[in-house]
Amino acid sequence: MVFYFTGTGNSLYVIMTYGCSNGAAMQIIRKIAAECHLPLAYTRTVKMVDNYLPGFDMEAEKAMDKKVDFKMADNLRDIANRRHD
């Protein structure tokens, strides 16, 4: 998570990475943030190579084009431009 502090308030940016399944983690993050009265300015997920070795063929995982570089660059550009959901 990235906290961005401004003179007028705080913004919380969340970029969650995951492998095979995100396990509904973003929904949990949103729920906890709401309970703590932390408004989320920006939330994104990025699927990465799954690294649970007993369950996956790593060569096949690495061969998949998940466009991670493009997605992360896009997210970082959004944050730099202070884009909000």
N, C-alpha and C. Protein backbone atom coordinates (compact mmCIF):
# COMPACT_ATOMS: atom_id res chain seq x y z
N MET A 1 0.84 -1.17 0.00
CA MET A 1 0.00 0.00 0.00
C MET A 1 0.89 1.24 0.00
N VAL A 2 0.42 2.26 -0.64
CA VAL A 2 1.16 3.51 -0.72
C VAL A 2 0.30 4.60 -0.10
N PHE A 3 0.84 5.27 0.89
CA PHE A 3 0.15 6.42 1.47
C PHE A 3 0.69 7.67 0.79
N TYR A 4 -0.19 8.53 0.35
CA TYR A 4 0.24 9.79 -0.24
C TYR A 4 -0.35 10.90 0.62
N PHE A 5 0.49 11.71 1.21
CA PHE A 5 0.04 12.76 2.10
C PHE A 5 0.11 14.10 1.39
N THR A 6 -0.98 14.84 1.49
CA THR A 6 -1.02 16.17 0.89
C THR A 6 -1.32 17.19 1.99
N GLY A 7 -1.21 18.41 1.63
CA GLY A 7 -1.49 19.46 2.61
C GLY A 7 -2.97 19.54 2.97
N THR A 8 -3.83 18.98 2.12
CA THR A 8 -5.26 19.10 2.36
C THR A 8 -5.89 17.80 2.85
N GLY A 9 -5.13 16.74 2.89
CA GLY A 9 -5.69 15.47 3.34
C GLY A 9 -4.82 14.31 2.93
N ASN A 10 -5.27 13.11 3.25
CA ASN A 10 -4.51 11.91 2.96
C ASN A 10 -5.25 11.05 1.94
N SER A 11 -4.49 10.40 1.10
CA SER A 11 -5.06 9.48 0.14
C SER A 11 -4.36 8.14 0.31
N LEU A 12 -5.13 7.06 0.26
CA LEU A 12 -4.57 5.73 0.39
C LEU A 12 -4.71 5.02 -0.95
N TYR A 13 -3.58 4.65 -1.53
CA TYR A 13 -3.53 3.94 -2.79
C TYR A 13 -3.14 2.50 -2.50
N VAL A 14 -3.88 1.54 -3.05
CA VAL A 14 -3.60 0.13 -2.83
C VAL A 14 -3.42 -0.56 -4.18
N ILE A 15 -2.26 -1.18 -4.36
CA ILE A 15 -2.02 -2.05 -5.51
C ILE A 15 -1.67 -3.41 -4.93
N MET A 16 -2.56 -4.37 -5.14
CA MET A 16 -2.38 -5.69 -4.58
C MET A 16 -1.93 -6.65 -5.69
N THR A 17 -0.84 -7.37 -5.44
CA THR A 17 -0.39 -8.37 -6.39
C THR A 17 -0.78 -9.74 -5.86
N TYR A 18 -1.00 -10.66 -6.79
CA TYR A 18 -1.38 -12.02 -6.40
C TYR A 18 -0.97 -13.00 -7.48
N GLY A 19 -1.01 -14.29 -7.13
CA GLY A 19 -0.65 -15.34 -8.08
C GLY A 19 -1.88 -15.95 -8.71
N CYS A 20 -2.22 -17.15 -8.34
CA CYS A 20 -3.35 -17.86 -8.95
C CYS A 20 -4.68 -17.23 -8.56
N SER A 21 -4.83 -16.90 -7.30
CA SER A 21 -6.10 -16.37 -6.79
C SER A 21 -5.83 -15.23 -5.84
N ASN A 22 -6.68 -14.21 -5.91
CA ASN A 22 -6.49 -13.09 -4.98
C ASN A 22 -7.18 -13.35 -3.65
N GLY A 23 -7.91 -14.44 -3.55
CA GLY A 23 -8.53 -14.82 -2.28
C GLY A 23 -9.45 -13.77 -1.70
N ALA A 24 -10.04 -12.94 -2.54
CA ALA A 24 -10.94 -11.87 -2.10
C ALA A 24 -10.22 -10.87 -1.18
N ALA A 25 -8.90 -10.78 -1.30
CA ALA A 25 -8.13 -9.90 -0.42
C ALA A 25 -8.50 -8.43 -0.58
N MET A 26 -8.78 -7.99 -1.81
CA MET A 26 -9.12 -6.58 -2.00
C MET A 26 -10.42 -6.24 -1.29
N GLN A 27 -11.39 -7.15 -1.30
CA GLN A 27 -12.63 -6.90 -0.58
C GLN A 27 -12.36 -6.79 0.92
N ILE A 28 -11.45 -7.60 1.42
CA ILE A 28 -11.08 -7.55 2.84
C ILE A 28 -10.39 -6.23 3.15
N ILE A 29 -9.49 -5.80 2.27
CA ILE A 29 -8.80 -4.51 2.45
C ILE A 29 -9.82 -3.37 2.48
N ARG A 30 -10.78 -3.40 1.55
CA ARG A 30 -11.81 -2.34 1.51
C ARG A 30 -12.63 -2.33 2.80
N LYS A 31 -12.98 -3.51 3.29
CA LYS A 31 -13.78 -3.61 4.52
C LYS A 31 -13.00 -3.06 5.71
N ILE A 32 -11.75 -3.46 5.85
CA ILE A 32 -10.93 -2.98 6.97
C ILE A 32 -10.72 -1.47 6.87
N ALA A 33 -10.45 -0.97 5.67
CA ALA A 33 -10.27 0.47 5.49
C ALA A 33 -11.53 1.23 5.89
N ALA A 34 -12.70 0.71 5.50
CA ALA A 34 -13.96 1.36 5.86
C ALA A 34 -14.17 1.35 7.37
N GLU A 35 -13.87 0.22 8.00
CA GLU A 35 -14.03 0.13 9.46
C GLU A 35 -13.10 1.10 10.19
N CYS A 36 -11.95 1.38 9.57
CA CYS A 36 -10.97 2.30 10.17
C CYS A 36 -11.16 3.74 9.68
N HIS A 37 -12.21 3.97 8.90
CA HIS A 37 -12.52 5.30 8.35
C HIS A 37 -11.37 5.83 7.51
N LEU A 38 -10.76 4.92 6.71
CA LEU A 38 -9.70 5.30 5.79
C LEU A 38 -10.25 5.24 4.37
N PRO A 39 -10.52 6.38 3.76
CA PRO A 39 -11.03 6.35 2.38
C PRO A 39 -9.94 5.89 1.42
N LEU A 40 -10.28 4.92 0.59
CA LEU A 40 -9.35 4.44 -0.41
C LEU A 40 -9.49 5.28 -1.67
N ALA A 41 -8.41 5.89 -2.08
CA ALA A 41 -8.44 6.74 -3.27
C ALA A 41 -8.31 5.93 -4.55
N TYR A 42 -7.60 4.80 -4.46
CA TYR A 42 -7.24 4.06 -5.68
C TYR A 42 -6.97 2.62 -5.29
N THR A 43 -7.64 1.68 -5.96
CA THR A 43 -7.39 0.26 -5.69
C THR A 43 -7.26 -0.48 -7.02
N ARG A 44 -6.22 -1.30 -7.12
CA ARG A 44 -6.00 -2.12 -8.30
C ARG A 44 -5.39 -3.44 -7.88
N THR A 45 -5.61 -4.46 -8.72
CA THR A 45 -4.94 -5.75 -8.53
C THR A 45 -4.13 -6.05 -9.77
N VAL A 46 -3.01 -6.76 -9.57
CA VAL A 46 -2.16 -7.16 -10.68
C VAL A 46 -1.82 -8.63 -10.48
N LYS A 47 -2.19 -9.45 -11.47
CA LYS A 47 -1.86 -10.88 -11.43
C LYS A 47 -0.39 -11.06 -11.80
N MET A 48 0.32 -11.78 -10.94
CA MET A 48 1.74 -12.03 -11.13
C MET A 48 1.94 -13.53 -11.35
N VAL A 49 3.18 -13.93 -11.48
CA VAL A 49 3.51 -15.35 -11.55
C VAL A 49 3.19 -15.98 -10.21
N ASP A 50 2.48 -17.11 -10.23
CA ASP A 50 2.19 -17.80 -8.98
C ASP A 50 3.45 -18.49 -8.51
N ASN A 51 3.78 -18.36 -7.25
CA ASN A 51 5.02 -18.93 -6.75
C ASN A 51 4.80 -19.99 -5.68
N TYR A 52 3.60 -20.55 -5.63
CA TYR A 52 3.36 -21.68 -4.72
C TYR A 52 3.90 -22.91 -5.42
N LEU A 53 5.15 -23.23 -5.17
CA LEU A 53 5.88 -24.23 -5.94
C LEU A 53 5.25 -25.61 -5.98
N PRO A 54 4.69 -26.15 -4.88
CA PRO A 54 4.11 -27.49 -4.98
C PRO A 54 2.91 -27.57 -5.92
N GLY A 55 2.26 -26.46 -6.18
CA GLY A 55 1.02 -26.51 -6.95
C GLY A 55 1.12 -26.10 -8.41
N PHE A 56 2.25 -25.57 -8.85
CA PHE A 56 2.32 -25.02 -10.19
C PHE A 56 3.62 -25.36 -10.89
N ASP A 57 3.54 -25.44 -12.20
CA ASP A 57 4.71 -25.62 -13.04
C ASP A 57 5.31 -24.23 -13.27
N MET A 58 6.43 -23.94 -12.65
CA MET A 58 7.01 -22.60 -12.71
C MET A 58 7.38 -22.20 -14.14
N GLU A 59 7.81 -23.12 -14.95
CA GLU A 59 8.14 -22.76 -16.34
C GLU A 59 6.89 -22.31 -17.09
N ALA A 60 5.78 -22.98 -16.85
CA ALA A 60 4.52 -22.58 -17.49
C ALA A 60 4.07 -21.23 -16.96
N GLU A 61 4.22 -21.01 -15.65
CA GLU A 61 3.83 -19.72 -15.06
C GLU A 61 4.66 -18.58 -15.65
N LYS A 62 5.96 -18.79 -15.75
CA LYS A 62 6.84 -17.74 -16.27
C LYS A 62 6.58 -17.48 -17.75
N ALA A 63 6.11 -18.50 -18.47
CA ALA A 63 5.86 -18.35 -19.91
C ALA A 63 4.60 -17.53 -20.19
N MET A 64 3.68 -17.45 -19.24
CA MET A 64 2.43 -16.71 -19.45
C MET A 64 2.71 -15.21 -19.47
N ASP A 65 2.14 -14.53 -20.44
CA ASP A 65 2.27 -13.08 -20.52
C ASP A 65 1.13 -12.45 -19.73
N LYS A 66 1.42 -12.03 -18.53
CA LYS A 66 0.40 -11.42 -17.67
C LYS A 66 0.45 -9.89 -17.78
N LYS A 67 1.31 -9.39 -18.65
CA LYS A 67 1.43 -7.95 -18.89
C LYS A 67 1.70 -7.17 -17.60
N VAL A 68 2.50 -7.78 -16.72
CA VAL A 68 2.78 -7.17 -15.42
C VAL A 68 3.46 -5.82 -15.58
N ASP A 69 4.48 -5.74 -16.43
CA ASP A 69 5.20 -4.46 -16.60
C ASP A 69 4.26 -3.36 -17.04
N PHE A 70 3.40 -3.66 -18.01
CA PHE A 70 2.44 -2.67 -18.51
C PHE A 70 1.48 -2.25 -17.41
N LYS A 71 0.93 -3.22 -16.68
CA LYS A 71 -0.05 -2.91 -15.64
C LYS A 71 0.57 -2.11 -14.51
N MET A 72 1.77 -2.47 -14.09
CA MET A 72 2.42 -1.73 -13.01
C MET A 72 2.77 -0.31 -13.46
N ALA A 73 3.25 -0.16 -14.69
CA ALA A 73 3.56 1.18 -15.20
C ALA A 73 2.30 2.03 -15.26
N ASP A 74 1.19 1.42 -15.68
CA ASP A 74 -0.10 2.12 -15.73
C ASP A 74 -0.53 2.55 -14.33
N ASN A 75 -0.40 1.67 -13.36
CA ASN A 75 -0.77 2.00 -11.98
C ASN A 75 0.11 3.10 -11.41
N LEU A 76 1.41 3.02 -11.65
CA LEU A 76 2.32 4.05 -11.14
C LEU A 76 2.04 5.40 -11.79
N ARG A 77 1.68 5.40 -13.07
CA ARG A 77 1.31 6.65 -13.75
C ARG A 77 0.05 7.23 -13.12
N ASP A 78 -0.93 6.37 -12.82
CA ASP A 78 -2.16 6.83 -12.16
C ASP A 78 -1.84 7.49 -10.81
N ILE A 79 -0.97 6.85 -10.05
CA ILE A 79 -0.61 7.40 -8.73
C ILE A 79 0.12 8.71 -8.88
N ALA A 80 1.07 8.77 -9.82
CA ALA A 80 1.82 10.01 -10.04
C ALA A 80 0.89 11.15 -10.44
N ASN A 81 -0.18 10.82 -11.17
CA ASN A 81 -1.16 11.82 -11.58
C ASN A 81 -2.28 12.02 -10.57
N ARG A 82 -2.14 11.35 -9.42
CA ARG A 82 -3.11 11.43 -8.32
C ARG A 82 -4.52 11.07 -8.78
N ARG A 83 -4.61 10.08 -9.66
CA ARG A 83 -5.91 9.60 -10.12
C ARG A 83 -6.63 8.88 -8.99
N HIS A 84 -7.89 9.12 -8.87
CA HIS A 84 -8.72 8.45 -7.88
C HIS A 84 -9.77 7.60 -8.57
N ASP A 85 -10.21 6.55 -7.86
CA ASP A 85 -11.28 5.69 -8.40
C ASP A 85 -12.57 6.47 -8.52
